[in-house]
Amino acid sequence: MLSLTKLWYAPRWYHWAVIIVLLPFTLLFVLLSAVRRWLFQWGLKASVKVNVPVIVVGNISVGGNGKTPLVVFIAQLLTDKGYRPGVLTRGYGAKSMAYPLSVEATSQVQEVGDEPMLMRQHILCPLVVDPKRGRGAAHLVNSHGCDVIICDDGLQHYALQRDIEIVVMDGQRRCGNQLLLPAGPLREGQWRLDTVDFIVVNGHNHQEHEYLMTLKPDQLVNVVDPTLTKAVDALPNDTVAVAGIGNPQRFFQMLPSLGIQPAQCISFPDHHQFSSQDFPFTNSVVMTEKDAVKCRHFAKNNWWYLPVQAQLSSDFSQQLLHKLQEKVRSTSA
């Protein structure tokens, strides 16, 4: 994945030979994706419609763009405004014998996945894991009484009909070399951006019609005992930074701006299942919250994670609430 990342986002002239070799596979991907999308559009494949508005938060590229913090932000916003939202996620890497599966504070990360466990630490509304999103959405409505569904990822999951689509984009990497998989990072062409309701850009480089999202770091939290916190600049000089997320460099680049100067930065694949063997040292460790939920049972007392909160303009919140109210009125009409 790391070598593909270089091809996708920072290709040198000698990388294009590999990209050209991958282009036939990209053409096949484009064809299969288009056929699948047309089957749903023409009604030849079933698509589930629930009787409450569905908000999909997704992206058109692979890798970590910041969807999870935005889902948490929207869930908290809607809860504060009197809605009864429910969050639906696929639960990447989850291994359960039965779905839909409600995520509780006592759930095991191996059963529900790392991102659902992260979200459960920040939101109080119902949170359900189900790879069949139509079934999961119906469960949130029928069993939990939710009046809005927030779907974490699933922009390309047309088996669930949606009312509002939000694309999250990495402000630094954006669409990379602008090619579809596997020659590029895109799941769908850039044309898809013209069809969604909101484009949220994580970090910087947002355009006039896009909404900027920044991830504000909080105090460091102890991995073993989350009740313990300390200032972000209080780590020793031999601290090792660890990240197993879609874009580890974003995390590593943020640390110096907070006064954290790690002695070493170690990256792992996204959703990496950590074990104690991944940490053959006694140094203090700083990691992301997503990684911490998988390390708690073998972590040491000098391991810390850095939670972040999504911050967006009041204009985004107002526009989202306005569009949601329109959808509620049309659904109840």
C-alpha atoms as a PDB file:
ATOM      1  CA  MET A   1       0.000   0.000   0.000  1.00  0.00           C
ATOM      2  CA  LEU A   2       2.861   2.399   0.743  1.00  0.00           C
ATOM      3  CA  SER A   3       4.332   1.940  -2.735  1.00  0.00           C
ATOM      4  CA  LEU A   4       0.915   2.477  -4.305  1.00  0.00           C
ATOM      5  CA  THR A   5       0.561   5.648  -2.259  1.00  0.00           C
ATOM      6  CA  LYS A   6       3.677   7.015  -3.936  1.00  0.00           C
ATOM      7  CA  LEU A   7       2.270   6.131  -7.355  1.00  0.00           C
ATOM      8  CA  TRP A   8      -1.050   7.766  -6.547  1.00  0.00           C
ATOM      9  CA  TYR A   9      -0.072  10.941  -4.742  1.00  0.00           C
ATOM     10  CA  ALA A  10       3.564  11.740  -5.545  1.00  0.00           C
ATOM     11  CA  PRO A  11       4.478  10.004  -8.810  1.00  0.00           C
ATOM     12  CA  ARG A  12       7.972  10.565 -10.168  1.00  0.00           C
ATOM     13  CA  TRP A  13       8.630  10.275 -13.875  1.00  0.00           C
ATOM     14  CA  TYR A  14       9.805   6.668 -13.477  1.00  0.00           C
ATOM     15  CA  HIS A  15       6.576   5.702 -11.676  1.00  0.00           C
ATOM     16  CA  TRP A  16       4.500   6.266 -14.787  1.00  0.00           C
ATOM     17  CA  ALA A  17       5.759   3.055 -16.354  1.00  0.00           C
ATOM     18  CA  VAL A  18       4.059   1.145 -13.525  1.00  0.00           C
ATOM     19  CA  ILE A  19       0.946   3.297 -13.784  1.00  0.00           C
ATOM     20  CA  ILE A  20       0.678   2.537 -17.508  1.00  0.00           C
ATOM     21  CA  VAL A  21       0.905  -1.190 -16.765  1.00  0.00           C
ATOM     22  CA  LEU A  22      -1.991  -0.808 -14.306  1.00  0.00           C
ATOM     23  CA  LEU A  23      -4.231   1.126 -16.717  1.00  0.00           C
ATOM     24  CA  PRO A  24      -5.913  -1.972 -18.262  1.00  0.00           C
ATOM     25  CA  PHE A  25      -6.985  -3.012 -14.768  1.00  0.00           C
ATOM     26  CA  THR A  26      -8.282   0.512 -14.183  1.00  0.00           C
ATOM     27  CA  LEU A  27     -10.357   0.296 -17.374  1.00  0.00           C
ATOM     28  CA  LEU A  28     -11.826  -2.985 -16.145  1.00  0.00           C
ATOM     29  CA  PHE A  29     -12.594  -1.386 -12.782  1.00  0.00           C
ATOM     30  CA  VAL A  30     -14.294   1.556 -14.514  1.00  0.00           C
ATOM     31  CA  LEU A  31     -16.436  -0.793 -16.603  1.00  0.00           C
ATOM     32  CA  LEU A  32     -17.511  -2.977 -13.686  1.00  0.00           C
ATOM     33  CA  SER A  33     -18.251   0.041 -11.492  1.00  0.00           C
ATOM     34  CA  ALA A  34     -20.337   1.680 -14.213  1.00  0.00           C
ATOM     35  CA  VAL A  35     -22.338  -1.485 -14.879  1.00  0.00           C
ATOM     36  CA  ARG A  36     -23.016  -1.927 -11.170  1.00  0.00           C
ATOM     37  CA  ARG A  37     -24.121   1.696 -10.794  1.00  0.00           C
ATOM     38  CA  TRP A  38     -26.410   1.480 -13.843  1.00  0.00           C
ATOM     39  CA  LEU A  39     -28.034  -1.702 -12.514  1.00  0.00           C
ATOM     40  CA  PHE A  40     -29.069   0.177  -9.391  1.00  0.00           C
ATOM     41  CA  GLN A  41     -30.184   3.233 -11.365  1.00  0.00           C
ATOM     42  CA  TRP A  42     -32.355   1.136 -13.678  1.00  0.00           C
ATOM     43  CA  GLY A  43     -33.834  -0.843 -10.799  1.00  0.00           C
ATOM     44  CA  LEU A  44     -32.286  -4.134 -11.903  1.00  0.00           C
ATOM     45  CA  LYS A  45     -30.614  -4.483  -8.513  1.00  0.00           C
ATOM     46  CA  ALA A  46     -32.538  -3.944  -5.299  1.00  0.00           C
ATOM     47  CA  SER A  47     -31.897  -0.777  -3.321  1.00  0.00           C
ATOM     48  CA  VAL A  48     -33.304  -0.355   0.189  1.00  0.00           C
ATOM     49  CA  LYS A  49     -35.218   2.809   1.097  1.00  0.00           C
ATOM     50  CA  VAL A  50     -35.914   3.525   4.762  1.00  0.00           C
ATOM     51  CA  ASN A  51     -38.589   5.990   5.832  1.00  0.00           C
ATOM     52  CA  VAL A  52     -36.186   8.429   7.509  1.00  0.00           C
ATOM     53  CA  PRO A  53     -33.495  10.634   5.935  1.00  0.00           C
ATOM     54  CA  VAL A  54     -30.125   8.968   5.296  1.00  0.00           C
ATOM     55  CA  ILE A  55     -26.899  10.978   5.354  1.00  0.00           C
ATOM     56  CA  VAL A  56     -23.914   9.256   3.752  1.00  0.00           C
ATOM     57  CA  VAL A  57     -20.441  10.457   4.726  1.00  0.00           C
ATOM     58  CA  GLY A  58     -17.948   8.981   2.278  1.00  0.00           C
ATOM     59  CA  ASN A  59     -15.229   9.707  -0.214  1.00  0.00           C
ATOM     60  CA  ILE A  60     -14.250   9.002  -3.788  1.00  0.00           C
ATOM     61  CA  SER A  61     -10.703   7.937  -2.905  1.00  0.00           C
ATOM     62  CA  VAL A  62      -9.232   5.198  -0.743  1.00  0.00           C
ATOM     63  CA  GLY A  63      -7.350   5.900   2.452  1.00  0.00           C
ATOM     64  CA  GLY A  64      -8.024   7.978   5.520  1.00  0.00           C
ATOM     65  CA  ASN A  65      -9.602  11.316   4.728  1.00  0.00           C
ATOM     66  CA  GLY A  66     -11.212  12.111   8.075  1.00  0.00           C
ATOM     67  CA  LYS A  67     -14.668  10.558   7.753  1.00  0.00           C
ATOM     68  CA  THR A  68     -14.852   9.278  11.317  1.00  0.00           C
ATOM     69  CA  PRO A  69     -14.354  12.670  13.052  1.00  0.00           C
ATOM     70  CA  LEU A  70     -16.955  14.183  10.718  1.00  0.00           C
ATOM     71  CA  VAL A  71     -19.469  11.419  11.517  1.00  0.00           C
ATOM     72  CA  VAL A  72     -18.938  12.111  15.220  1.00  0.00           C
ATOM     73  CA  PHE A  73     -19.394  15.852  14.615  1.00  0.00           C
ATOM     74  CA  ILE A  74     -22.667  15.330  12.725  1.00  0.00           C
ATOM     75  CA  ALA A  75     -24.016  12.856  15.295  1.00  0.00           C
ATOM     76  CA  GLN A  76     -23.334  15.310  18.111  1.00  0.00           C
ATOM     77  CA  LEU A  77     -24.817  18.203  16.112  1.00  0.00           C
ATOM     78  CA  LEU A  78     -28.059  16.357  15.372  1.00  0.00           C
ATOM     79  CA  THR A  79     -28.371  15.107  18.932  1.00  0.00           C
ATOM     80  CA  ASP A  80     -27.985  18.675  20.228  1.00  0.00           C
ATOM     81  CA  LYS A  81     -30.715  19.814  17.824  1.00  0.00           C
ATOM     82  CA  GLY A  82     -33.235  17.284  19.136  1.00  0.00           C
ATOM     83  CA  TYR A  83     -32.915  14.571  16.479  1.00  0.00           C
ATOM     84  CA  ARG A  84     -32.537  10.890  17.310  1.00  0.00           C
ATOM     85  CA  PRO A  85     -29.696   9.960  14.981  1.00  0.00           C
ATOM     86  CA  GLY A  86     -28.282   6.504  14.515  1.00  0.00           C
ATOM     87  CA  VAL A  87     -24.842   5.764  13.095  1.00  0.00           C
ATOM     88  CA  LEU A  88     -24.390   2.884  10.674  1.00  0.00           C
ATOM     89  CA  THR A  89     -20.974   1.526   9.772  1.00  0.00           C
ATOM     90  CA  ARG A  90     -19.583  -1.473   7.977  1.00  0.00           C
ATOM     91  CA  GLY A  91     -17.054  -2.111  10.750  1.00  0.00           C
ATOM     92  CA  TYR A  92     -13.986  -2.810   8.643  1.00  0.00           C
ATOM     93  CA  GLY A  93     -12.170  -5.862  10.006  1.00  0.00           C
ATOM     94  CA  ALA A  94     -15.069  -6.801  12.292  1.00  0.00           C
ATOM     95  CA  LYS A  95     -15.577 -10.513  12.874  1.00  0.00           C
ATOM     96  CA  SER A  96     -19.033 -11.251  14.205  1.00  0.00           C
ATOM     97  CA  MET A  97     -21.277 -14.272  13.743  1.00  0.00           C
ATOM     98  CA  ALA A  98     -24.449 -12.187  13.565  1.00  0.00           C
ATOM     99  CA  TYR A  99     -25.552  -8.816  12.202  1.00  0.00           C
ATOM    100  CA  PRO A 100     -26.823  -6.173  12.731  1.00  0.00           C
ATOM    101  CA  LEU A 101     -24.591  -5.700  15.748  1.00  0.00           C
ATOM    102  CA  SER A 102     -24.977  -2.854  18.246  1.00  0.00           C
ATOM    103  CA  VAL A 103     -21.734  -1.307  19.456  1.00  0.00           C
ATOM    104  CA  GLU A 104     -21.566  -0.854  23.223  1.00  0.00           C
ATOM    105  CA  ALA A 105     -18.845   0.456  25.522  1.00  0.00           C
ATOM    106  CA  THR A 106     -18.117  -3.165  26.469  1.00  0.00           C
ATOM    107  CA  SER A 107     -17.859  -4.424  22.873  1.00  0.00           C
ATOM    108  CA  GLN A 108     -14.628  -6.042  21.702  1.00  0.00           C
ATOM    109  CA  VAL A 109     -12.698  -4.286  18.964  1.00  0.00           C
ATOM    110  CA  GLN A 110     -12.098  -7.629  17.206  1.00  0.00           C
ATOM    111  CA  GLU A 111     -15.861  -8.083  16.957  1.00  0.00           C
ATOM    112  CA  VAL A 112     -16.985  -4.616  15.866  1.00  0.00           C
ATOM    113  CA  GLY A 113     -13.880  -2.969  14.381  1.00  0.00           C
ATOM    114  CA  ASP A 114     -11.605  -0.120  15.468  1.00  0.00           C
ATOM    115  CA  GLU A 115     -13.502   2.878  14.069  1.00  0.00           C
ATOM    116  CA  PRO A 116     -16.860   1.892  15.659  1.00  0.00           C
ATOM    117  CA  MET A 117     -15.126   1.567  19.046  1.00  0.00           C
ATOM    118  CA  LEU A 118     -13.562   4.994  18.551  1.00  0.00           C
ATOM    119  CA  MET A 119     -16.944   6.511  17.716  1.00  0.00           C
ATOM    120  CA  ARG A 120     -18.601   4.847  20.700  1.00  0.00           C
ATOM    121  CA  GLN A 121     -16.220   6.774  22.977  1.00  0.00           C
ATOM    122  CA  HIS A 122     -17.627  10.078  21.679  1.00  0.00           C
ATOM    123  CA  ILE A 123     -21.286   9.600  20.788  1.00  0.00           C
ATOM    124  CA  LEU A 124     -24.263   8.428  22.834  1.00  0.00           C
ATOM    125  CA  CYS A 125     -26.683   7.667  20.001  1.00  0.00           C
ATOM    126  CA  PRO A 126     -27.280   4.118  18.694  1.00  0.00           C
ATOM    127  CA  LEU A 127     -24.333   2.754  16.709  1.00  0.00           C
ATOM    128  CA  VAL A 128     -24.729  -0.360  14.576  1.00  0.00           C
ATOM    129  CA  VAL A 129     -22.285  -2.433  12.531  1.00  0.00           C
ATOM    130  CA  ASP A 130     -23.635  -4.234   9.489  1.00  0.00           C
ATOM    131  CA  PRO A 131     -21.930  -4.965   6.144  1.00  0.00           C
ATOM    132  CA  LYS A 132     -25.427  -4.948   4.592  1.00  0.00           C
ATOM    133  CA  ARG A 133     -26.224  -1.303   5.133  1.00  0.00           C
ATOM    134  CA  GLY A 134     -29.872  -1.551   4.124  1.00  0.00           C
ATOM    135  CA  ARG A 135     -30.476  -4.114   6.835  1.00  0.00           C
ATOM    136  CA  GLY A 136     -28.521  -2.087   9.380  1.00  0.00           C
ATOM    137  CA  ALA A 137     -30.414   1.103   8.558  1.00  0.00           C
ATOM    138  CA  ALA A 138     -33.765  -0.649   8.942  1.00  0.00           C
ATOM    139  CA  HIS A 139     -32.614  -2.004  12.305  1.00  0.00           C
ATOM    140  CA  LEU A 140     -31.732   1.485  13.543  1.00  0.00           C
ATOM    141  CA  VAL A 141     -35.183   2.737  12.570  1.00  0.00           C
ATOM    142  CA  ASN A 142     -37.273  -0.208  13.741  1.00  0.00           C
ATOM    143  CA  SER A 143     -35.374  -1.264  16.868  1.00  0.00           C
ATOM    144  CA  HIS A 144     -33.873   2.023  18.071  1.00  0.00           C
ATOM    145  CA  GLY A 145     -36.442   4.562  16.876  1.00  0.00           C
ATOM    146  CA  CYS A 146     -33.867   6.665  14.999  1.00  0.00           C
ATOM    147  CA  ASP A 147     -35.237   9.490  12.850  1.00  0.00           C
ATOM    148  CA  VAL A 148     -31.979  10.122  10.928  1.00  0.00           C
ATOM    149  CA  ILE A 149     -29.368   7.619   9.744  1.00  0.00           C
ATOM    150  CA  ILE A 150     -25.735   8.687   9.428  1.00  0.00           C
ATOM    151  CA  CYS A 151     -23.882   6.187   7.262  1.00  0.00           C
ATOM    152  CA  ASP A 152     -20.138   6.067   7.877  1.00  0.00           C
ATOM    153  CA  ASP A 153     -18.645   5.455   4.414  1.00  0.00           C
ATOM    154  CA  GLY A 154     -20.770   3.744   1.768  1.00  0.00           C
ATOM    155  CA  LEU A 155     -20.861   6.478  -0.881  1.00  0.00           C
ATOM    156  CA  GLN A 156     -20.494   3.713  -3.487  1.00  0.00           C
ATOM    157  CA  HIS A 157     -22.855   1.353  -1.608  1.00  0.00           C
ATOM    158  CA  TYR A 158     -25.900   2.015  -3.787  1.00  0.00           C
ATOM    159  CA  ALA A 159     -27.860  -0.823  -2.179  1.00  0.00           C
ATOM    160  CA  LEU A 160     -28.916   1.786   0.400  1.00  0.00           C
ATOM    161  CA  GLN A 161     -30.733   4.843  -0.914  1.00  0.00           C
ATOM    162  CA  ARG A 162     -29.626   8.159   0.523  1.00  0.00           C
ATOM    163  CA  ASP A 163     -30.962  11.678   0.859  1.00  0.00           C
ATOM    164  CA  ILE A 164     -27.799  13.675   1.574  1.00  0.00           C
ATOM    165  CA  GLU A 165     -24.292  12.856   0.364  1.00  0.00           C
ATOM    166  CA  ILE A 166     -21.163  14.339   1.945  1.00  0.00           C
ATOM    167  CA  VAL A 167     -17.712  13.726   0.472  1.00  0.00           C
ATOM    168  CA  VAL A 168     -14.660  14.134   2.705  1.00  0.00           C
ATOM    169  CA  MET A 169     -11.415  14.938   0.907  1.00  0.00           C
ATOM    170  CA  ASP A 170      -7.837  15.184   2.128  1.00  0.00           C
ATOM    171  CA  GLY A 171      -6.844  18.786   1.484  1.00  0.00           C
ATOM    172  CA  GLN A 172      -3.228  17.924   0.810  1.00  0.00           C
ATOM    173  CA  ARG A 173      -3.614  14.824  -1.350  1.00  0.00           C
ATOM    174  CA  ARG A 174      -7.034  15.592  -2.865  1.00  0.00           C
ATOM    175  CA  CYS A 175      -7.507  13.298  -5.908  1.00  0.00           C
ATOM    176  CA  GLY A 176      -3.849  12.407  -6.377  1.00  0.00           C
ATOM    177  CA  ASN A 177      -3.024  11.517  -9.974  1.00  0.00           C
ATOM    178  CA  GLN A 178      -6.778  11.658 -10.733  1.00  0.00           C
ATOM    179  CA  LEU A 179      -6.913   8.051 -11.964  1.00  0.00           C
ATOM    180  CA  LEU A 180      -9.199   5.278 -10.754  1.00  0.00           C
ATOM    181  CA  LEU A 181      -8.061   2.121  -8.987  1.00  0.00           C
ATOM    182  CA  PRO A 182      -5.575   0.542  -9.174  1.00  0.00           C
ATOM    183  CA  ALA A 183      -3.585   3.040 -11.254  1.00  0.00           C
ATOM    184  CA  GLY A 184      -4.870   5.843  -9.021  1.00  0.00           C
ATOM    185  CA  PRO A 185      -6.615   6.279  -5.675  1.00  0.00           C
ATOM    186  CA  LEU A 186     -10.146   7.015  -6.916  1.00  0.00           C
ATOM    187  CA  ARG A 187     -13.150   4.760  -6.398  1.00  0.00           C
ATOM    188  CA  GLU A 188     -15.221   6.924  -8.734  1.00  0.00           C
ATOM    189  CA  GLY A 189     -14.303   9.656 -11.194  1.00  0.00           C
ATOM    190  CA  GLN A 190     -14.073  13.308 -10.208  1.00  0.00           C
ATOM    191  CA  TRP A 191     -17.441  13.811 -11.922  1.00  0.00           C
ATOM    192  CA  ARG A 192     -18.944  12.322  -8.769  1.00  0.00           C
ATOM    193  CA  LEU A 193     -18.031  15.470  -6.834  1.00  0.00           C
ATOM    194  CA  ASP A 194     -20.562  17.412  -8.928  1.00  0.00           C
ATOM    195  CA  THR A 195     -23.410  15.171  -7.761  1.00  0.00           C
ATOM    196  CA  VAL A 196     -22.962  15.319  -3.971  1.00  0.00           C
ATOM    197  CA  ASP A 197     -24.513  17.814  -1.567  1.00  0.00           C
ATOM    198  CA  PHE A 198     -21.416  18.815   0.397  1.00  0.00           C
ATOM    199  CA  ILE A 199     -17.658  18.576  -0.089  1.00  0.00           C
ATOM    200  CA  VAL A 200     -15.702  18.794   3.165  1.00  0.00           C
ATOM    201  CA  VAL A 201     -11.945  19.276   2.893  1.00  0.00           C
ATOM    202  CA  ASN A 202      -9.785  18.057   5.739  1.00  0.00           C
ATOM    203  CA  GLY A 203      -6.820  20.308   6.455  1.00  0.00           C
ATOM    204  CA  HIS A 204      -6.369  23.018   3.856  1.00  0.00           C
ATOM    205  CA  ASN A 205      -6.538  23.894   0.146  1.00  0.00           C
ATOM    206  CA  HIS A 206     -10.333  24.054   0.074  1.00  0.00           C
ATOM    207  CA  GLN A 207     -12.061  25.796  -2.802  1.00  0.00           C
ATOM    208  CA  GLU A 208     -14.900  28.300  -2.754  1.00  0.00           C
ATOM    209  CA  HIS A 209     -17.708  25.738  -2.898  1.00  0.00           C
ATOM    210  CA  GLU A 210     -16.105  23.446  -0.307  1.00  0.00           C
ATOM    211  CA  TYR A 211     -16.226  23.460   3.500  1.00  0.00           C
ATOM    212  CA  LEU A 212     -13.014  23.406   5.503  1.00  0.00           C
ATOM    213  CA  MET A 213     -12.673  20.922   8.355  1.00  0.00           C
ATOM    214  CA  THR A 214      -9.822  21.096  10.834  1.00  0.00           C
ATOM    215  CA  LEU A 215      -8.993  18.421  13.375  1.00  0.00           C
ATOM    216  CA  LYS A 216      -8.294  20.040  16.727  1.00  0.00           C
ATOM    217  CA  PRO A 217      -6.108  17.939  19.024  1.00  0.00           C
ATOM    218  CA  ASP A 218      -7.006  17.618  22.681  1.00  0.00           C
ATOM    219  CA  GLN A 219      -4.918  16.648  25.693  1.00  0.00           C
ATOM    220  CA  LEU A 220      -2.950  13.421  25.635  1.00  0.00           C
ATOM    221  CA  VAL A 221      -4.890  10.506  27.124  1.00  0.00           C
ATOM    222  CA  ASN A 222      -3.301   7.471  28.723  1.00  0.00           C
ATOM    223  CA  VAL A 223      -3.941   4.276  26.760  1.00  0.00           C
ATOM    224  CA  VAL A 224      -4.107   2.054  29.864  1.00  0.00           C
ATOM    225  CA  ASP A 225      -6.154   4.459  32.011  1.00  0.00           C
ATOM    226  CA  PRO A 226      -8.172   6.968  29.908  1.00  0.00           C
ATOM    227  CA  THR A 227      -8.953   8.987  33.047  1.00  0.00           C
ATOM    228  CA  LEU A 228      -5.318  10.150  33.049  1.00  0.00           C
ATOM    229  CA  THR A 229      -4.432  13.083  30.804  1.00  0.00           C
ATOM    230  CA  LYS A 230      -1.524  15.452  30.325  1.00  0.00           C
ATOM    231  CA  ALA A 231      -0.435  18.327  28.105  1.00  0.00           C
ATOM    232  CA  VAL A 232       0.605  17.480  24.578  1.00  0.00           C
ATOM    233  CA  ASP A 233       4.095  18.973  25.033  1.00  0.00           C
ATOM    234  CA  ALA A 234       4.894  16.946  28.166  1.00  0.00           C
ATOM    235  CA  LEU A 235       6.255  13.829  26.435  1.00  0.00           C
ATOM    236  CA  PRO A 236       9.940  12.848  26.867  1.00  0.00           C
ATOM    237  CA  ASN A 237      12.422  13.269  24.032  1.00  0.00           C
ATOM    238  CA  ASP A 238      12.686   9.536  23.333  1.00  0.00           C
ATOM    239  CA  THR A 239       8.974   9.198  22.514  1.00  0.00           C
ATOM    240  CA  VAL A 240       8.050   6.970  19.567  1.00  0.00           C
ATOM    241  CA  ALA A 241       5.090   8.011  17.387  1.00  0.00           C
ATOM    242  CA  VAL A 242       2.990   5.141  15.995  1.00  0.00           C
ATOM    243  CA  ALA A 243       0.136   5.308  13.483  1.00  0.00           C
ATOM    244  CA  GLY A 244      -1.835   2.604  11.686  1.00  0.00           C
ATOM    245  CA  ILE A 245      -4.283   4.845   9.810  1.00  0.00           C
ATOM    246  CA  GLY A 246      -4.995   5.672   6.182  1.00  0.00           C
ATOM    247  CA  ASN A 247      -2.600   8.632   6.113  1.00  0.00           C
ATOM    248  CA  PRO A 248      -0.014   8.278   8.903  1.00  0.00           C
ATOM    249  CA  GLN A 249       2.009  11.244   7.661  1.00  0.00           C
ATOM    250  CA  ARG A 250      -0.800  13.625   8.578  1.00  0.00           C
ATOM    251  CA  PHE A 251      -0.505  12.487  12.193  1.00  0.00           C
ATOM    252  CA  PHE A 252       3.291  12.597  12.206  1.00  0.00           C
ATOM    253  CA  GLN A 253       3.361  16.084  10.659  1.00  0.00           C
ATOM    254  CA  MET A 254       0.912  17.409  13.247  1.00  0.00           C
ATOM    255  CA  LEU A 255       3.030  16.401  16.245  1.00  0.00           C
ATOM    256  CA  PRO A 256       5.858  18.987  15.905  1.00  0.00           C
ATOM    257  CA  SER A 257       3.297  21.786  15.655  1.00  0.00           C
ATOM    258  CA  LEU A 258       2.047  20.699  19.098  1.00  0.00           C
ATOM    259  CA  GLY A 259       5.502  20.663  20.658  1.00  0.00           C
ATOM    260  CA  ILE A 260       5.969  16.904  20.323  1.00  0.00           C
ATOM    261  CA  GLN A 261       9.309  15.950  18.790  1.00  0.00           C
ATOM    262  CA  PRO A 262       9.254  12.150  18.459  1.00  0.00           C
ATOM    263  CA  ALA A 263      12.547  10.324  18.286  1.00  0.00           C
ATOM    264  CA  GLN A 264      11.049   7.925  15.749  1.00  0.00           C
ATOM    265  CA  CYS A 265       7.886   7.626  13.650  1.00  0.00           C
ATOM    266  CA  ILE A 266       6.601   4.150  12.801  1.00  0.00           C
ATOM    267  CA  SER A 267       3.721   3.623  10.381  1.00  0.00           C
ATOM    268  CA  PHE A 268       1.562   0.529   9.939  1.00  0.00           C
ATOM    269  CA  PRO A 269      -1.151  -0.312   7.375  1.00  0.00           C
ATOM    270  CA  ASP A 270      -4.621   1.098   7.966  1.00  0.00           C
ATOM    271  CA  HIS A 271      -6.670  -1.006  10.425  1.00  0.00           C
ATOM    272  CA  HIS A 272      -3.520  -2.891  11.478  1.00  0.00           C
ATOM    273  CA  GLN A 273      -4.220  -5.432  14.221  1.00  0.00           C
ATOM    274  CA  PHE A 274      -1.553  -4.510  16.744  1.00  0.00           C
ATOM    275  CA  SER A 275       0.182  -6.929  19.084  1.00  0.00           C
ATOM    276  CA  SER A 276       2.852  -6.465  21.729  1.00  0.00           C
ATOM    277  CA  GLN A 277       5.440  -7.676  19.199  1.00  0.00           C
ATOM    278  CA  ASP A 278       4.928  -4.438  17.275  1.00  0.00           C
ATOM    279  CA  PHE A 279       6.504  -2.530  20.187  1.00  0.00           C
ATOM    280  CA  PRO A 280       9.958  -4.019  20.884  1.00  0.00           C
ATOM    281  CA  PHE A 281      11.034  -1.018  22.967  1.00  0.00           C
ATOM    282  CA  THR A 282      10.357   0.580  26.334  1.00  0.00           C
ATOM    283  CA  ASN A 283      10.091   4.176  25.119  1.00  0.00           C
ATOM    284  CA  SER A 284       7.110   6.362  25.716  1.00  0.00           C
ATOM    285  CA  VAL A 285       4.601   6.013  22.861  1.00  0.00           C
ATOM    286  CA  VAL A 286       2.160   8.460  21.291  1.00  0.00           C
ATOM    287  CA  MET A 287      -0.486   7.147  18.892  1.00  0.00           C
ATOM    288  CA  THR A 288      -3.858   7.961  17.377  1.00  0.00           C
ATOM    289  CA  GLU A 289      -7.079   7.214  19.221  1.00  0.00           C
ATOM    290  CA  LYS A 290      -8.051   4.732  16.512  1.00  0.00           C
ATOM    291  CA  ASP A 291      -4.889   2.746  17.229  1.00  0.00           C
ATOM    292  CA  ALA A 292      -5.253   3.018  20.998  1.00  0.00           C
ATOM    293  CA  VAL A 293      -8.538   1.075  21.092  1.00  0.00           C
ATOM    294  CA  LYS A 294      -6.643  -1.949  19.714  1.00  0.00           C
ATOM    295  CA  CYS A 295      -3.675  -1.660  22.093  1.00  0.00           C
ATOM    296  CA  ARG A 296      -5.304  -1.123  25.477  1.00  0.00           C
ATOM    297  CA  HIS A 297      -5.114  -4.733  26.674  1.00  0.00           C
ATOM    298  CA  PHE A 298      -1.304  -4.918  26.313  1.00  0.00           C
ATOM    299  CA  ALA A 299      -0.310  -1.234  26.560  1.00  0.00           C
ATOM    300  CA  LYS A 300       2.207   0.121  29.049  1.00  0.00           C
ATOM    301  CA  ASN A 301       1.692   3.017  31.429  1.00  0.00           C
ATOM    302  CA  ASN A 302       3.823   5.374  29.308  1.00  0.00           C
ATOM    303  CA  TRP A 303       1.659   4.993  26.191  1.00  0.00           C
ATOM    304  CA  TRP A 304      -0.555   7.924  25.223  1.00  0.00           C
ATOM    305  CA  TYR A 305      -2.988   8.739  22.449  1.00  0.00           C
ATOM    306  CA  LEU A 306      -3.986  12.064  20.958  1.00  0.00           C
ATOM    307  CA  PRO A 307      -7.748  12.493  20.391  1.00  0.00           C
ATOM    308  CA  VAL A 308      -8.922  15.039  17.843  1.00  0.00           C
ATOM    309  CA  GLN A 309     -12.210  16.849  17.313  1.00  0.00           C
ATOM    310  CA  ALA A 310     -13.590  18.007  13.972  1.00  0.00           C
ATOM    311  CA  GLN A 311     -14.199  21.733  13.669  1.00  0.00           C
ATOM    312  CA  LEU A 312     -16.294  23.188  10.852  1.00  0.00           C
ATOM    313  CA  SER A 313     -17.867  26.537  10.149  1.00  0.00           C
ATOM    314  CA  SER A 314     -21.316  27.393  11.458  1.00  0.00           C
ATOM    315  CA  ASP A 315     -22.326  27.806   7.817  1.00  0.00           C
ATOM    316  CA  PHE A 316     -21.787  24.085   7.207  1.00  0.00           C
ATOM    317  CA  SER A 317     -23.915  23.181  10.214  1.00  0.00           C
ATOM    318  CA  GLN A 318     -26.682  25.572   9.155  1.00  0.00           C
ATOM    319  CA  GLN A 319     -26.717  24.345   5.558  1.00  0.00           C
ATOM    320  CA  LEU A 320     -26.733  20.698   6.631  1.00  0.00           C
ATOM    321  CA  LEU A 321     -29.592  21.261   9.090  1.00  0.00           C
ATOM    322  CA  HIS A 322     -31.545  23.206   6.469  1.00  0.00           C
ATOM    323  CA  LYS A 323     -31.191  20.448   3.883  1.00  0.00           C
ATOM    324  CA  LEU A 324     -32.093  17.831   6.481  1.00  0.00           C
ATOM    325  CA  GLN A 325     -35.250  19.712   7.425  1.00  0.00           C
ATOM    326  CA  GLU A 326     -36.214  19.785   3.744  1.00  0.00           C
ATOM    327  CA  LYS A 327     -35.728  16.021   3.529  1.00  0.00           C
ATOM    328  CA  VAL A 328     -37.754  15.456   6.719  1.00  0.00           C
ATOM    329  CA  ARG A 329     -40.652  17.477   5.319  1.00  0.00           C
ATOM    330  CA  SER A 330     -40.567  15.641   1.988  1.00  0.00           C
ATOM    331  CA  THR A 331     -40.360  12.248   3.740  1.00  0.00           C
ATOM    332  CA  SER A 332     -43.343  12.988   6.005  1.00  0.00           C
ATOM    333  CA  ALA A 333     -45.431  14.524   3.216  1.00  0.00           C
END
